[in-house]
Amino acid sequence: MTPPPSPKRRKLRLLRAGDLPSDATLLIRATPASVDAAVTDLAAGALDSAEIYEVELPDGRRVSLYAVSVFSRPGGADPNELLRRFPRAPCYLEASVAAVRSAGFAVLPTGATPEHYDILLVGSGAPVRVSPSMAELTSAARRLVEVCGEMRPNPSYAGGVYG
């Protein structure tokens, strides 16, 4: 394993076999209620992810996981089942796999849960040692939010402060 630029070693995130159909919908995790707050939250989440995880891509390269955790749902399925997991988030975002990939993001099947994926905000071609700036992460997060379109109200929101 290649050591990361910090004294801590990153965990290797499980990359499952298989792929999502282009028409599948990705629930781009629960977010704060404003676009700017969502962008900041997604960028910070990707930075946190990369500090903990790296992933070995199918071609054998290891990259830091500057990614956003997402869940897939079959076309036409009600998102409420997934949204119940996020009662403290007032909004959520979603987009088709095709739209996310068309915007240049990689969608990786990660973890043991079959409906869990990660969208790489940056780094699909970069080695582990390359660290993007917060401005690069924020720019990528904003592009992802733009792909998703409108922020949607979370019907499972229980009130309180997000985060």
Protein backbone atom coordinates (compact mmCIF):
# COMPACT_ATOMS: atom_id res chain seq x y z
CA MET A 1 0.00 0.00 0.00
CA THR A 2 1.28 3.45 -0.88
CA PRO A 3 1.41 5.65 2.20
CA PRO A 4 -0.70 8.81 2.04
CA PRO A 5 0.82 12.24 2.68
CA SER A 6 -0.11 12.11 6.38
CA PRO A 7 1.18 9.86 9.15
CA LYS A 8 -2.16 8.03 9.14
CA ARG A 9 -2.88 5.31 6.63
CA ARG A 10 -6.15 5.45 4.76
CA LYS A 11 -8.57 2.56 4.80
CA LEU A 12 -9.12 0.76 1.53
CA ARG A 13 -12.81 1.20 0.64
CA LEU A 14 -14.48 -1.89 -0.80
CA LEU A 15 -15.20 -1.53 -4.51
CA ARG A 16 -17.92 -3.98 -5.54
CA ALA A 17 -18.28 -5.57 -8.96
CA GLY A 18 -21.08 -4.42 -11.19
CA ASP A 19 -22.42 -1.19 -12.53
CA LEU A 20 -25.57 0.89 -12.44
CA PRO A 21 -27.80 1.38 -15.46
CA SER A 22 -27.68 4.92 -16.84
CA ASP A 23 -31.36 5.49 -16.04
CA ALA A 24 -30.98 4.67 -12.33
CA THR A 25 -31.50 7.58 -9.95
CA LEU A 26 -28.90 8.57 -7.38
CA LEU A 27 -30.04 10.18 -4.15
CA ILE A 28 -27.21 12.66 -3.63
CA ARG A 29 -27.43 12.49 0.13
CA ALA A 30 -29.32 14.77 2.41
CA THR A 31 -28.23 18.39 2.44
CA PRO A 32 -28.74 21.73 4.16
CA ALA A 33 -31.53 23.95 2.82
CA SER A 34 -29.49 26.38 0.66
CA VAL A 35 -27.45 25.70 -2.46
CA ASP A 36 -24.32 27.38 -1.06
CA ALA A 37 -24.56 25.42 2.19
CA ALA A 38 -25.08 22.19 0.22
CA VAL A 39 -21.99 22.91 -1.92
CA THR A 40 -19.89 23.60 1.18
CA ASP A 41 -21.23 20.47 2.91
CA LEU A 42 -20.52 18.23 -0.10
CA ALA A 43 -16.98 19.60 -0.54
CA ALA A 44 -16.21 19.18 3.18
CA GLY A 45 -17.67 15.66 3.10
CA ALA A 46 -15.43 14.74 0.16
CA LEU A 47 -12.40 16.05 2.01
CA ASP A 48 -13.36 14.03 5.10
CA SER A 49 -13.85 10.95 2.93
CA ALA A 50 -10.38 11.30 1.38
CA GLU A 51 -8.75 11.65 4.79
CA ILE A 52 -10.19 8.25 5.71
CA TYR A 53 -10.50 6.24 2.49
CA GLU A 54 -8.78 5.34 -0.72
CA VAL A 55 -10.11 3.04 -3.40
CA GLU A 56 -8.40 0.72 -5.84
CA LEU A 57 -9.84 1.36 -9.30
CA PRO A 58 -10.42 -1.54 -11.72
CA ASP A 59 -7.19 -0.66 -13.56
CA GLY A 60 -5.22 -1.17 -10.32
CA ARG A 61 -4.56 2.50 -9.49
CA ARG A 62 -5.28 3.66 -5.95
CA VAL A 63 -6.84 7.07 -5.50
CA SER A 64 -7.96 9.04 -2.48
CA LEU A 65 -11.73 8.89 -2.21
CA TYR A 66 -12.65 12.57 -2.64
CA ALA A 67 -16.24 11.49 -2.94
CA VAL A 68 -19.86 12.01 -1.99
CA SER A 69 -21.75 9.07 -0.54
CA VAL A 70 -24.97 8.34 -2.47
CA PHE A 71 -27.71 5.74 -2.69
CA SER A 72 -29.30 4.38 -5.83
CA ARG A 73 -32.97 3.78 -6.25
CA PRO A 74 -34.77 2.01 -9.07
CA GLY A 75 -36.63 4.19 -11.54
CA GLY A 76 -40.04 5.17 -10.23
CA ALA A 77 -39.28 4.04 -6.66
CA ASP A 78 -40.32 6.42 -3.88
CA PRO A 79 -37.27 8.09 -2.28
CA ASN A 80 -38.94 8.21 1.15
CA GLU A 81 -37.52 4.85 2.24
CA LEU A 82 -33.97 6.14 1.80
CA LEU A 83 -34.78 9.61 3.16
CA ARG A 84 -35.94 8.16 6.49
CA ARG A 85 -32.24 7.66 7.20
CA PHE A 86 -31.73 11.45 7.20
CA PRO A 87 -34.32 13.03 9.52
CA ARG A 88 -32.03 15.97 10.37
CA ALA A 89 -31.53 17.12 6.76
CA PRO A 90 -34.13 19.52 5.39
CA CYS A 91 -33.37 18.81 1.72
CA TYR A 92 -31.90 16.30 -0.68
CA LEU A 93 -30.61 16.20 -4.23
CA GLU A 94 -30.96 13.55 -6.90
CA ALA A 95 -29.86 12.96 -10.47
CA SER A 96 -29.71 10.15 -12.99
CA VAL A 97 -26.52 8.15 -13.32
CA ALA A 98 -26.33 9.30 -16.96
CA ALA A 99 -26.46 12.99 -15.98
CA VAL A 100 -23.80 12.55 -13.29
CA ARG A 101 -21.48 10.68 -15.66
CA SER A 102 -22.12 13.18 -18.49
CA ALA A 103 -20.86 15.90 -16.15
CA GLY A 104 -17.57 13.98 -15.87
CA PHE A 105 -18.03 12.33 -12.48
CA ALA A 106 -17.19 8.67 -11.82
CA VAL A 107 -19.83 6.65 -9.95
CA LEU A 108 -18.23 3.84 -7.93
CA PRO A 109 -20.03 0.87 -6.32
CA THR A 110 -18.61 1.09 -2.79
CA GLY A 111 -19.20 -0.67 0.51
CA ALA A 112 -21.16 -3.82 1.25
CA THR A 113 -24.65 -2.31 0.86
CA PRO A 114 -25.82 -2.97 -2.73
CA GLU A 115 -27.52 0.41 -3.17
CA HIS A 116 -24.51 2.42 -1.88
CA TYR A 117 -22.23 4.27 -4.29
CA ASP A 118 -19.73 7.11 -4.19
CA ILE A 119 -19.46 9.92 -6.71
CA LEU A 120 -15.82 10.95 -7.10
CA LEU A 121 -15.74 14.74 -7.10
CA VAL A 122 -12.09 14.83 -8.16
CA GLY A 123 -9.26 12.39 -8.53
CA SER A 124 -10.55 9.67 -10.82
CA GLY A 125 -7.20 9.85 -12.60
CA ALA A 126 -4.95 11.19 -9.84
CA PRO A 127 -2.66 9.12 -7.64
CA VAL A 128 -3.15 9.03 -3.87
CA ARG A 129 -0.43 11.63 -3.26
CA VAL A 130 -2.24 14.41 -5.19
CA SER A 131 -4.43 16.60 -2.97
CA PRO A 132 -6.91 19.00 -4.55
CA SER A 133 -7.47 22.42 -3.05
CA MET A 134 -10.68 23.26 -1.22
CA ALA A 135 -11.49 25.56 -4.16
CA GLU A 136 -11.27 22.59 -6.56
CA LEU A 137 -13.50 20.49 -4.30
CA THR A 138 -15.99 23.34 -3.96
CA SER A 139 -16.06 23.88 -7.73
CA ALA A 140 -16.69 20.15 -8.34
CA ALA A 141 -19.38 20.09 -5.64
CA ARG A 142 -21.11 23.07 -7.26
CA ARG A 143 -21.06 21.30 -10.64
CA LEU A 144 -22.64 18.24 -9.03
CA VAL A 145 -25.35 20.35 -7.39
CA GLU A 146 -26.05 22.01 -10.75
CA VAL A 147 -26.43 18.57 -12.37
CA CYS A 148 -29.04 17.72 -9.73
CA GLY A 149 -31.12 20.83 -10.34
CA GLU A 150 -33.57 21.83 -7.64
CA MET A 151 -33.05 21.10 -3.99
CA ARG A 152 -35.96 18.93 -2.90
CA PRO A 153 -37.63 19.09 0.51
CA ASN A 154 -36.99 16.02 2.63
CA PRO A 155 -40.39 14.62 3.70
CA SER A 156 -38.64 12.85 6.59
CA TYR A 157 -37.16 16.05 8.00
CA ALA A 158 -37.81 16.17 11.74
CA GLY A 159 -36.59 19.73 12.29
CA GLY A 160 -33.56 20.87 14.17
CA VAL A 161 -30.16 21.95 12.92
CA TYR A 162 -28.49 20.12 10.05
CA GLY A 163 -25.06 18.65 10.66
